[in-house]
């Protein structure tokens, strides 16, 4: 695994935790969850920005978003019992294929 992929994955993980804290903030209206979500967003985007030193900005950003959406989909399914349609699952699979194509061009 190359450095860019490590930074992109770490950034997507932090961003995903930020998203989850923001969802909790919306439900509970807790300022702690809002502040925590913002902190995780800043850390996640810092990893993304640093990945630009290794990867093209467009490729890194697309990979970051795909990782983030896949992680959110899995967590929403496990924690909130939100399901995806077959079309949405196919779209996520195509996202994974695009990451493979970006990495092994």
PDB file of N, CA and C in Angstrom:
ATOM      1  N   UNK A   1       0.860  -1.173   0.000  1.00  0.00           N
ATOM      2  CA  UNK A   1       0.000   0.000   0.000  1.00  0.00           C
ATOM      3  C   UNK A   1       0.909   1.240   0.000  1.00  0.00           C
ATOM      4  N   UNK A   2       0.661   2.145  -0.924  1.00  0.00           N
ATOM      5  CA  UNK A   2       1.519   3.329  -1.005  1.00  0.00           C
ATOM      6  C   UNK A   2       1.077   4.411  -0.016  1.00  0.00           C
ATOM      7  N   UNK A   3       1.938   5.406   0.148  1.00  0.00           N
ATOM      8  CA  UNK A   3       1.674   6.468   1.130  1.00  0.00           C
ATOM      9  C   UNK A   3       0.373   7.208   0.861  1.00  0.00           C
ATOM     10  N   UNK A   4       0.092   7.506  -0.394  1.00  0.00           N
ATOM     11  CA  UNK A   4      -1.126   8.250  -0.719  1.00  0.00           C
ATOM     12  C   UNK A   4      -2.366   7.491  -0.259  1.00  0.00           C
ATOM     13  N   UNK A   5      -2.376   6.190  -0.504  1.00  0.00           N
ATOM     14  CA  UNK A   5      -3.536   5.385  -0.123  1.00  0.00           C
ATOM     15  C   UNK A   5      -3.696   5.328   1.398  1.00  0.00           C
ATOM     16  N   UNK A   6      -2.595   5.314   2.111  1.00  0.00           N
ATOM     17  CA  UNK A   6      -2.656   5.335   3.575  1.00  0.00           C
ATOM     18  C   UNK A   6      -3.274   6.645   4.061  1.00  0.00           C
ATOM     19  N   UNK A   7      -2.810   7.766   3.519  1.00  0.00           N
ATOM     20  CA  UNK A   7      -3.345   9.071   3.930  1.00  0.00           C
ATOM     21  C   UNK A   7      -4.813   9.239   3.525  1.00  0.00           C
ATOM     22  N   UNK A   8      -5.156   8.772   2.338  1.00  0.00           N
ATOM     23  CA  UNK A   8      -6.536   8.882   1.869  1.00  0.00           C
ATOM     24  C   UNK A   8      -7.465   8.037   2.748  1.00  0.00           C
ATOM     25  N   UNK A   9      -7.036   6.821   3.060  1.00  0.00           N
ATOM     26  CA  UNK A   9      -7.844   5.940   3.910  1.00  0.00           C
ATOM     27  C   UNK A   9      -7.996   6.520   5.315  1.00  0.00           C
ATOM     28  N   UNK A  10      -6.904   7.002   5.885  1.00  0.00           N
ATOM     29  CA  UNK A  10      -6.982   7.613   7.219  1.00  0.00           C
ATOM     30  C   UNK A  10      -7.905   8.825   7.199  1.00  0.00           C
ATOM     31  N   UNK A  11      -7.791   9.654   6.174  1.00  0.00           N
ATOM     32  CA  UNK A  11      -8.659  10.823   6.054  1.00  0.00           C
ATOM     33  C   UNK A  11     -10.119  10.436   5.948  1.00  0.00           C
ATOM     34  N   UNK A  12     -10.401   9.393   5.164  1.00  0.00           N
ATOM     35  CA  UNK A  12     -11.786   8.940   5.006  1.00  0.00           C
ATOM     36  C   UNK A  12     -12.335   8.392   6.328  1.00  0.00           C
ATOM     37  N   UNK A  13     -11.494   7.704   7.094  1.00  0.00           N
ATOM     38  CA  UNK A  13     -11.933   7.197   8.397  1.00  0.00           C
ATOM     39  C   UNK A  13     -12.288   8.344   9.337  1.00  0.00           C
ATOM     40  N   UNK A  14     -11.418   9.353   9.415  1.00  0.00           N
ATOM     41  CA  UNK A  14     -11.709  10.500  10.278  1.00  0.00           C
ATOM     42  C   UNK A  14     -12.957  11.228   9.805  1.00  0.00           C
ATOM     43  N   UNK A  15     -13.097  11.389   8.497  1.00  0.00           N
ATOM     44  CA  UNK A  15     -14.270  12.072   7.958  1.00  0.00           C
ATOM     45  C   UNK A  15     -15.551  11.291   8.265  1.00  0.00           C
ATOM     46  N   UNK A  16     -15.472   9.976   8.188  1.00  0.00           N
ATOM     47  CA  UNK A  16     -16.624   9.133   8.495  1.00  0.00           C
ATOM     48  C   UNK A  16     -17.034   9.284   9.961  1.00  0.00           C
ATOM     49  N   UNK A  17     -16.052   9.287  10.870  1.00  0.00           N
ATOM     50  CA  UNK A  17     -16.379   9.508  12.279  1.00  0.00           C
ATOM     51  C   UNK A  17     -16.973  10.901  12.479  1.00  0.00           C
ATOM     52  N   UNK A  18     -16.477  11.874  11.733  1.00  0.00           N
ATOM     53  CA  UNK A  18     -17.058  13.214  11.789  1.00  0.00           C
ATOM     54  C   UNK A  18     -18.508  13.209  11.341  1.00  0.00           C
ATOM     55  N   UNK A  19     -18.794  12.475  10.265  1.00  0.00           N
ATOM     56  CA  UNK A  19     -20.173  12.363   9.782  1.00  0.00           C
ATOM     57  C   UNK A  19     -21.076  11.740  10.838  1.00  0.00           C
ATOM     58  N   UNK A  20     -20.576  10.704  11.492  1.00  0.00           N
ATOM     59  CA  UNK A  20     -21.376  10.029  12.522  1.00  0.00           C
ATOM     60  C   UNK A  20     -21.622  10.940  13.721  1.00  0.00           C
ATOM     61  N   UNK A  21     -20.614  11.691  14.106  1.00  0.00           N
ATOM     62  CA  UNK A  21     -20.813  12.640  15.203  1.00  0.00           C
ATOM     63  C   UNK A  21     -21.811  13.729  14.811  1.00  0.00           C
ATOM     64  N   UNK A  22     -21.776  14.157  13.561  1.00  0.00           N
ATOM     65  CA  UNK A  22     -22.737  15.165  13.104  1.00  0.00           C
ATOM     66  C   UNK A  22     -24.159  14.605  13.091  1.00  0.00           C
ATOM     67  N   UNK A  23     -24.309  13.325  12.729  1.00  0.00           N
ATOM     68  CA  UNK A  23     -25.640  12.721  12.769  1.00  0.00           C
ATOM     69  C   UNK A  23     -26.140  12.677  14.210  1.00  0.00           C
ATOM     70  N   UNK A  24     -25.235  12.341  15.134  1.00  0.00           N
ATOM     71  CA  UNK A  24     -25.600  12.333  16.553  1.00  0.00           C
ATOM     72  C   UNK A  24     -25.946  13.741  17.028  1.00  0.00           C
ATOM     73  N   UNK A  25     -25.216  14.723  16.543  1.00  0.00           N
ATOM     74  CA  UNK A  25     -25.500  16.118  16.903  1.00  0.00           C
ATOM     75  C   UNK A  25     -26.903  16.514  16.439  1.00  0.00           C
ATOM     76  N   UNK A  26     -27.273  16.114  15.223  1.00  0.00           N
ATOM     77  CA  UNK A  26     -28.601  16.448  14.699  1.00  0.00           C
ATOM     78  C   UNK A  26     -29.685  15.823  15.574  1.00  0.00           C
ATOM     79  N   UNK A  27     -29.452  14.595  16.038  1.00  0.00           N
ATOM     80  CA  UNK A  27     -30.437  13.903  16.858  1.00  0.00           C
ATOM     81  C   UNK A  27     -30.501  14.501  18.261  1.00  0.00           C
ATOM     82  N   UNK A  28     -29.332  14.765  18.860  1.00  0.00           N
ATOM     83  CA  UNK A  28     -29.295  15.168  20.267  1.00  0.00           C
ATOM     84  C   UNK A  28     -29.129  16.668  20.501  1.00  0.00           C
ATOM     85  N   UNK A  29     -28.728  17.402  19.467  1.00  0.00           N
ATOM     86  CA  UNK A  29     -28.461  18.836  19.563  1.00  0.00           C
ATOM     87  C   UNK A  29     -27.364  19.141  20.598  1.00  0.00           C
ATOM     88  N   UNK A  30     -26.401  18.227  20.718  1.00  0.00           N
ATOM     89  CA  UNK A  30     -25.303  18.368  21.665  1.00  0.00           C
ATOM     90  C   UNK A  30     -24.141  19.127  21.018  1.00  0.00           C
ATOM     91  N   UNK A  31     -23.713  20.189  21.655  1.00  0.00           N
ATOM     92  CA  UNK A  31     -22.601  20.980  21.125  1.00  0.00           C
ATOM     93  C   UNK A  31     -21.292  20.197  21.143  1.00  0.00           C
ATOM     94  N   UNK A  32     -21.170  19.245  22.053  1.00  0.00           N
ATOM     95  CA  UNK A  32     -19.973  18.396  22.122  1.00  0.00           C
ATOM     96  C   UNK A  32     -19.860  17.553  20.853  1.00  0.00           C
ATOM     97  N   UNK A  33     -20.980  16.990  20.402  1.00  0.00           N
ATOM     98  CA  UNK A  33     -20.962  16.188  19.182  1.00  0.00           C
ATOM     99  C   UNK A  33     -20.641  17.059  17.968  1.00  0.00           C
ATOM    100  N   UNK A  34     -21.175  18.262  17.951  1.00  0.00           N
ATOM    101  CA  UNK A  34     -20.873  19.174  16.840  1.00  0.00           C
ATOM    102  C   UNK A  34     -19.380  19.506  16.815  1.00  0.00           C
ATOM    103  N   UNK A  35     -18.822  19.861  17.963  1.00  0.00           N
ATOM    104  CA  UNK A  35     -17.398  20.215  18.038  1.00  0.00           C
ATOM    105  C   UNK A  35     -16.525  19.011  17.682  1.00  0.00           C
ATOM    106  N   UNK A  36     -16.903  17.841  18.176  1.00  0.00           N
ATOM    107  CA  UNK A  36     -16.149  16.629  17.837  1.00  0.00           C
ATOM    108  C   UNK A  36     -16.208  16.321  16.354  1.00  0.00           C
ATOM    109  N   UNK A  37     -17.383  16.470  15.768  1.00  0.00           N
ATOM    110  CA  UNK A  37     -17.528  16.250  14.323  1.00  0.00           C
ATOM    111  C   UNK A  37     -16.662  17.195  13.516  1.00  0.00           C
ATOM    112  N   UNK A  38     -16.662  18.454  13.909  1.00  0.00           N
ATOM    113  CA  UNK A  38     -15.831  19.441  13.196  1.00  0.00           C
ATOM    114  C   UNK A  38     -14.344  19.105  13.333  1.00  0.00           C
ATOM    115  N   UNK A  39     -13.941  18.674  14.521  1.00  0.00           N
ATOM    116  CA  UNK A  39     -12.542  18.294  14.738  1.00  0.00           C
ATOM    117  C   UNK A  39     -12.158  17.116  13.845  1.00  0.00           C
ATOM    118  N   UNK A  40     -13.015  16.099  13.796  1.00  0.00           N
ATOM    119  CA  UNK A  40     -12.732  14.952  12.935  1.00  0.00           C
ATOM    120  C   UNK A  40     -12.706  15.350  11.458  1.00  0.00           C
ATOM    121  N   UNK A  41     -13.587  16.260  11.036  1.00  0.00           N
ATOM    122  CA  UNK A  41     -13.556  16.748   9.659  1.00  0.00           C
ATOM    123  C   UNK A  41     -12.220  17.412   9.333  1.00  0.00           C
ATOM    124  N   UNK A  42     -11.757  18.274  10.227  1.00  0.00           N
ATOM    125  CA  UNK A  42     -10.501  18.991   9.987  1.00  0.00           C
ATOM    126  C   UNK A  42      -9.334  18.009   9.900  1.00  0.00           C
ATOM    127  N   UNK A  43      -9.304  17.039  10.790  1.00  0.00           N
ATOM    128  CA  UNK A  43      -8.226  16.049  10.749  1.00  0.00           C
ATOM    129  C   UNK A  43      -8.304  15.228   9.463  1.00  0.00           C
ATOM    130  N   UNK A  44      -9.503  14.787   9.107  1.00  0.00           N
ATOM    131  CA  UNK A  44      -9.689  14.002   7.886  1.00  0.00           C
ATOM    132  C   UNK A  44      -9.279  14.762   6.639  1.00  0.00           C
ATOM    133  N   UNK A  45      -9.677  16.020   6.566  1.00  0.00           N
ATOM    134  CA  UNK A  45      -9.323  16.818   5.392  1.00  0.00           C
ATOM    135  C   UNK A  45      -7.837  17.167   5.373  1.00  0.00           C
ATOM    136  N   UNK A  46      -7.210  17.199   6.545  1.00  0.00           N
ATOM    137  CA  UNK A  46      -5.760  17.410   6.592  1.00  0.00           C
ATOM    138  C   UNK A  46      -5.030  16.216   5.975  1.00  0.00           C
ATOM    139  N   UNK A  47      -5.497  15.017   6.287  1.00  0.00           N
ATOM    140  CA  UNK A  47      -4.915  13.827   5.651  1.00  0.00           C
ATOM    141  C   UNK A  47      -5.123  13.873   4.141  1.00  0.00           C
ATOM    142  N   UNK A  48      -6.314  14.256   3.717  1.00  0.00           N
ATOM    143  CA  UNK A  48      -6.579  14.367   2.279  1.00  0.00           C
ATOM    144  C   UNK A  48      -5.640  15.377   1.637  1.00  0.00           C
ATOM    145  N   UNK A  49      -5.491  16.541   2.247  1.00  0.00           N
ATOM    146  CA  UNK A  49      -4.620  17.570   1.692  1.00  0.00           C
ATOM    147  C   UNK A  49      -3.181  17.066   1.588  1.00  0.00           C
ATOM    148  N   UNK A  50      -2.723  16.349   2.606  1.00  0.00           N
ATOM    149  CA  UNK A  50      -1.359  15.833   2.559  1.00  0.00           C
ATOM    150  C   UNK A  50      -1.201  14.775   1.467  1.00  0.00           C
ATOM    151  N   UNK A  51      -2.267  14.043   1.165  1.00  0.00           N
ATOM    152  CA  UNK A  51      -2.193  13.032   0.099  1.00  0.00           C
ATOM    153  C   UNK A  51      -1.983  13.680  -1.271  1.00  0.00           C
ATOM    154  N   UNK A  52      -2.300  14.969  -1.399  1.00  0.00           N
ATOM    155  CA  UNK A  52      -2.090  15.661  -2.672  1.00  0.00           C
ATOM    156  C   UNK A  52      -0.609  15.752  -3.033  1.00  0.00           C
ATOM    157  N   UNK A  53       0.273  15.592  -2.036  1.00  0.00           N
ATOM    158  CA  UNK A  53       1.706  15.609  -2.346  1.00  0.00           C
ATOM    159  C   UNK A  53       2.141  14.327  -3.037  1.00  0.00           C
ATOM    160  N   UNK A  54       1.307  13.284  -2.970  1.00  0.00           N
ATOM    161  CA  UNK A  54       1.633  12.002  -3.593  1.00  0.00           C
ATOM    162  C   UNK A  54       0.780  11.701  -4.817  1.00  0.00           C
ATOM    163  N   UNK A  55      -0.443  12.208  -4.837  1.00  0.00           N
ATOM    164  CA  UNK A  55      -1.424  11.871  -5.879  1.00  0.00           C
ATOM    165  C   UNK A  55      -2.013  13.125  -6.494  1.00  0.00           C
ATOM    166  N   UNK A  56      -2.471  12.970  -7.703  1.00  0.00           N
ATOM    167  CA  UNK A  56      -3.215  14.019  -8.390  1.00  0.00           C
ATOM    168  C   UNK A  56      -4.417  14.401  -7.522  1.00  0.00           C
ATOM    169  N   UNK A  57      -4.706  15.685  -7.441  1.00  0.00           N
ATOM    170  CA  UNK A  57      -5.775  16.179  -6.563  1.00  0.00           C
ATOM    171  C   UNK A  57      -7.134  15.571  -6.909  1.00  0.00           C
ATOM    172  N   UNK A  58      -7.410  15.389  -8.179  1.00  0.00           N
ATOM    173  CA  UNK A  58      -8.704  14.836  -8.588  1.00  0.00           C
ATOM    174  C   UNK A  58      -8.799  13.372  -8.189  1.00  0.00           C
ATOM    175  N   UNK A  59      -7.757  12.611  -8.455  1.00  0.00           N
ATOM    176  CA  UNK A  59      -7.758  11.183  -8.125  1.00  0.00           C
ATOM    177  C   UNK A  59      -7.861  10.993  -6.617  1.00  0.00           C
ATOM    178  N   UNK A  60      -7.075  11.731  -5.856  1.00  0.00           N
ATOM    179  CA  UNK A  60      -7.100  11.608  -4.392  1.00  0.00           C
ATOM    180  C   UNK A  60      -8.477  11.976  -3.839  1.00  0.00           C
ATOM    181  N   UNK A  61      -9.072  13.026  -4.344  1.00  0.00           N
ATOM    182  CA  UNK A  61     -10.384  13.461  -3.853  1.00  0.00           C
ATOM    183  C   UNK A  61     -11.469  12.437  -4.162  1.00  0.00           C
ATOM    184  N   UNK A  62     -11.439  11.877  -5.350  1.00  0.00           N
ATOM    185  CA  UNK A  62     -12.442  10.868  -5.722  1.00  0.00           C
ATOM    186  C   UNK A  62     -12.280   9.624  -4.856  1.00  0.00           C
ATOM    187  N   UNK A  63     -11.048   9.187  -4.656  1.00  0.00           N
ATOM    188  CA  UNK A  63     -10.806   8.012  -3.820  1.00  0.00           C
ATOM    189  C   UNK A  63     -11.268   8.268  -2.391  1.00  0.00           C
ATOM    190  N   UNK A  64     -10.983   9.447  -1.870  1.00  0.00           N
ATOM    191  CA  UNK A  64     -11.401   9.835  -0.525  1.00  0.00           C
ATOM    192  C   UNK A  64     -12.919   9.751  -0.394  1.00  0.00           C
ATOM    193  N   UNK A  65     -13.630  10.313  -1.359  1.00  0.00           N
ATOM    194  CA  UNK A  65     -15.094  10.310  -1.312  1.00  0.00           C
ATOM    195  C   UNK A  65     -15.671   8.903  -1.407  1.00  0.00           C
ATOM    196  N   UNK A  66     -15.090   8.081  -2.275  1.00  0.00           N
ATOM    197  CA  UNK A  66     -15.596   6.715  -2.420  1.00  0.00           C
ATOM    198  C   UNK A  66     -15.379   5.929  -1.135  1.00  0.00           C
ATOM    199  N   UNK A  67     -14.170   6.030  -0.555  1.00  0.00           N
ATOM    200  CA  UNK A  67     -13.920   5.361   0.721  1.00  0.00           C
ATOM    201  C   UNK A  67     -14.900   5.841   1.786  1.00  0.00           C
ATOM    202  N   UNK A  68     -15.116   7.140   1.850  1.00  0.00           N
ATOM    203  CA  UNK A  68     -16.020   7.710   2.848  1.00  0.00           C
ATOM    204  C   UNK A  68     -17.445   7.187   2.672  1.00  0.00           C
ATOM    205  N   UNK A  69     -17.927   7.158   1.468  1.00  0.00           N
ATOM    206  CA  UNK A  69     -19.304   6.699   1.210  1.00  0.00           C
ATOM    207  C   UNK A  69     -19.443   5.215   1.526  1.00  0.00           C
ATOM    208  N   UNK A  70     -18.445   4.423   1.184  1.00  0.00           N
ATOM    209  CA  UNK A  70     -18.503   2.990   1.478  1.00  0.00           C
ATOM    210  C   UNK A  70     -18.492   2.765   2.986  1.00  0.00           C
ATOM    211  N   UNK A  71     -17.607   3.450   3.695  1.00  0.00           N
ATOM    212  CA  UNK A  71     -17.563   3.320   5.155  1.00  0.00           C
ATOM    213  C   UNK A  71     -18.883   3.751   5.791  1.00  0.00           C
ATOM    214  N   UNK A  72     -19.430   4.875   5.330  1.00  0.00           N
ATOM    215  CA  UNK A  72     -20.718   5.341   5.874  1.00  0.00           C
ATOM    216  C   UNK A  72     -21.835   4.345   5.598  1.00  0.00           C
ATOM    217  N   UNK A  73     -21.836   3.765   4.420  1.00  0.00           N
ATOM    218  CA  UNK A  73     -22.862   2.785   4.076  1.00  0.00           C
ATOM    219  C   UNK A  73     -22.795   1.573   4.991  1.00  0.00           C
ATOM    220  N   UNK A  74     -21.574   1.085   5.235  1.00  0.00           N
ATOM    221  CA  UNK A  74     -21.415  -0.074   6.116  1.00  0.00           C
ATOM    222  C   UNK A  74     -21.829   0.244   7.548  1.00  0.00           C
ATOM    223  N   UNK A  75     -21.404   1.394   8.042  1.00  0.00           N
ATOM    224  CA  UNK A  75     -21.741   1.761   9.423  1.00  0.00           C
ATOM    225  C   UNK A  75     -23.233   2.036   9.565  1.00  0.00           C
ATOM    226  N   UNK A  76     -23.829   2.716   8.599  1.00  0.00           N
ATOM    227  CA  UNK A  76     -25.280   2.964   8.657  1.00  0.00           C
ATOM    228  C   UNK A  76     -26.061   1.660   8.648  1.00  0.00           C
ATOM    229  N   UNK A  77     -25.571   0.692   7.899  1.00  0.00           N
ATOM    230  CA  UNK A  77     -26.232  -0.611   7.852  1.00  0.00           C
ATOM    231  C   UNK A  77     -26.110  -1.326   9.193  1.00  0.00           C
ATOM    232  N   UNK A  78     -24.896  -1.285   9.800  1.00  0.00           N
ATOM    233  CA  UNK A  78     -24.660  -2.003  11.056  1.00  0.00           C
ATOM    234  C   UNK A  78     -25.280  -1.294  12.269  1.00  0.00           C
ATOM    235  N   UNK A  79     -25.176   0.030  12.322  1.00  0.00           N
ATOM    236  CA  UNK A  79     -25.604   0.767  13.514  1.00  0.00           C
ATOM    237  C   UNK A  79     -27.059   1.219  13.419  1.00  0.00           C
ATOM    238  N   UNK A  80     -27.432   1.784  12.289  1.00  0.00           N
ATOM    239  CA  UNK A  80     -28.763   2.381  12.154  1.00  0.00           C
ATOM    240  C   UNK A  80     -29.748   1.518  11.360  1.00  0.00           C
ATOM    241  N   UNK A  81     -29.309   0.343  10.933  1.00  0.00           N
ATOM    242  CA  UNK A  81     -30.142  -0.599  10.158  1.00  0.00           C
ATOM    243  C   UNK A  81     -30.703   0.024   8.885  1.00  0.00           C
ATOM    244  N   UNK A  82     -29.967   0.963   8.311  1.00  0.00           N
ATOM    245  CA  UNK A  82     -30.372   1.552   7.037  1.00  0.00           C
ATOM    246  C   UNK A  82     -29.827   0.672   5.919  1.00  0.00           C
ATOM    247  N   UNK A  83     -30.698   0.292   5.005  1.00  0.00           N
ATOM    248  CA  UNK A  83     -30.279  -0.604   3.926  1.00  0.00           C
ATOM    249  C   UNK A  83     -30.140   0.168   2.616  1.00  0.00           C
ATOM    250  N   UNK A  84     -29.428  -0.440   1.696  1.00  0.00           N
ATOM    251  CA  UNK A  84     -29.238   0.132   0.371  1.00  0.00           C
ATOM    252  C   UNK A  84     -29.967  -0.720  -0.652  1.00  0.00           C
ATOM    253  N   UNK A  85     -30.410  -0.091  -1.726  1.00  0.00           N
ATOM    254  CA  UNK A  85     -31.042  -0.838  -2.808  1.00  0.00           C
ATOM    255  C   UNK A  85     -29.964  -1.551  -3.620  1.00  0.00           C
ATOM    256  N   UNK A  86     -30.394  -2.468  -4.463  1.00  0.00           N
ATOM    257  CA  UNK A  86     -29.439  -3.173  -5.325  1.00  0.00           C
ATOM    258  C   UNK A  86     -28.693  -2.201  -6.228  1.00  0.00           C
ATOM    259  N   UNK A  87     -29.376  -1.180  -6.694  1.00  0.00           N
ATOM    260  CA  UNK A  87     -28.747  -0.179  -7.554  1.00  0.00           C
ATOM    261  C   UNK A  87     -27.659   0.583  -6.785  1.00  0.00           C
ATOM    262  N   UNK A  88     -27.926   0.910  -5.536  1.00  0.00           N
ATOM    263  CA  UNK A  88     -26.947   1.632  -4.721  1.00  0.00           C
ATOM    264  C   UNK A  88     -25.744   0.746  -4.390  1.00  0.00           C
ATOM    265  N   UNK A  89     -25.988  -0.532  -4.130  1.00  0.00           N
ATOM    266  CA  UNK A  89     -24.891  -1.471  -3.882  1.00  0.00           C
ATOM    267  C   UNK A  89     -24.037  -1.628  -5.128  1.00  0.00           C
ATOM    268  N   UNK A  90     -24.669  -1.678  -6.282  1.00  0.00           N
ATOM    269  CA  UNK A  90     -23.927  -1.756  -7.542  1.00  0.00           C
ATOM    270  C   UNK A  90     -23.074  -0.512  -7.734  1.00  0.00           C
ATOM    271  N   UNK A  91     -23.611   0.645  -7.400  1.00  0.00           N
ATOM    272  CA  UNK A  91     -22.846   1.890  -7.523  1.00  0.00           C
ATOM    273  C   UNK A  91     -21.622   1.878  -6.611  1.00  0.00           C
ATOM    274  N   UNK A  92     -21.766   1.370  -5.385  1.00  0.00           N
ATOM    275  CA  UNK A  92     -20.626   1.265  -4.477  1.00  0.00           C
ATOM    276  C   UNK A  92     -19.583   0.289  -5.018  1.00  0.00           C
ATOM    277  N   UNK A  93     -20.038  -0.820  -5.595  1.00  0.00           N
ATOM    278  CA  UNK A  93     -19.104  -1.785  -6.192  1.00  0.00           C
ATOM    279  C   UNK A  93     -18.338  -1.137  -7.351  1.00  0.00           C
ATOM    280  N   UNK A  94     -19.030  -0.346  -8.154  1.00  0.00           N
ATOM    281  CA  UNK A  94     -18.354   0.359  -9.246  1.00  0.00           C
ATOM    282  C   UNK A  94     -17.356   1.374  -8.699  1.00  0.00           C
ATOM    283  N   UNK A  95     -17.680   1.973  -7.562  1.00  0.00           N
ATOM    284  CA  UNK A  95     -16.741   2.876  -6.906  1.00  0.00           C
ATOM    285  C   UNK A  95     -15.464   2.151  -6.519  1.00  0.00           C
ATOM    286  N   UNK A  96     -15.612   0.942  -5.982  1.00  0.00           N
ATOM    287  CA  UNK A  96     -14.432   0.143  -5.640  1.00  0.00           C
ATOM    288  C   UNK A  96     -13.615  -0.213  -6.880  1.00  0.00           C
ATOM    289  N   UNK A  97     -14.312  -0.537  -7.965  1.00  0.00           N
ATOM    290  CA  UNK A  97     -13.616  -0.829  -9.230  1.00  0.00           C
ATOM    291  C   UNK A  97     -12.842   0.402  -9.689  1.00  0.00           C
ATOM    292  N   UNK A  98     -13.430   1.581  -9.525  1.00  0.00           N
ATOM    293  CA  UNK A  98     -12.736   2.802  -9.954  1.00  0.00           C
ATOM    294  C   UNK A  98     -11.469   3.031  -9.127  1.00  0.00           C
ATOM    295  N   UNK A  99     -11.501   2.687  -7.839  1.00  0.00           N
ATOM    296  CA  UNK A  99     -10.303   2.821  -7.015  1.00  0.00           C
ATOM    297  C   UNK A  99      -9.211   1.889  -7.507  1.00  0.00           C
ATOM    298  N   UNK A 100      -9.585   0.660  -7.843  1.00  0.00           N
ATOM    299  CA  UNK A 100      -8.611  -0.292  -8.384  1.00  0.00           C
ATOM    300  C   UNK A 100      -8.021   0.244  -9.680  1.00  0.00           C
ATOM    301  N   UNK A 101      -8.857   0.809 -10.537  1.00  0.00           N
ATOM    302  CA  UNK A 101      -8.370   1.367 -11.805  1.00  0.00           C
ATOM    303  C   UNK A 101      -7.463   2.586 -11.572  1.00  0.00           C
ATOM    304  N   UNK A 102      -7.783   3.413 -10.585  1.00  0.00           N
ATOM    305  CA  UNK A 102      -6.936   4.550 -10.264  1.00  0.00           C
ATOM    306  C   UNK A 102      -5.568   4.080  -9.760  1.00  0.00           C
ATOM    307  N   UNK A 103      -5.558   3.030  -8.962  1.00  0.00           N
ATOM    308  CA  UNK A 103      -4.316   2.569  -8.346  1.00  0.00           C
ATOM    309  C   UNK A 103      -3.434   1.778  -9.298  1.00  0.00           C
ATOM    310  N   UNK A 104      -4.034   1.019 -10.166  1.00  0.00           N
ATOM    311  CA  UNK A 104      -3.280   0.124 -11.049  1.00  0.00           C
ATOM    312  C   UNK A 104      -3.498   0.494 -12.513  1.00  0.00           C
ATOM    313  N   UNK A 105      -3.203   1.751 -12.853  1.00  0.00           N
ATOM    314  CA  UNK A 105      -3.436   2.216 -14.230  1.00  0.00           C
ATOM    315  C   UNK A 105      -2.348   1.801 -15.156  1.00  0.00           C
TER     316      UNK A 105
END
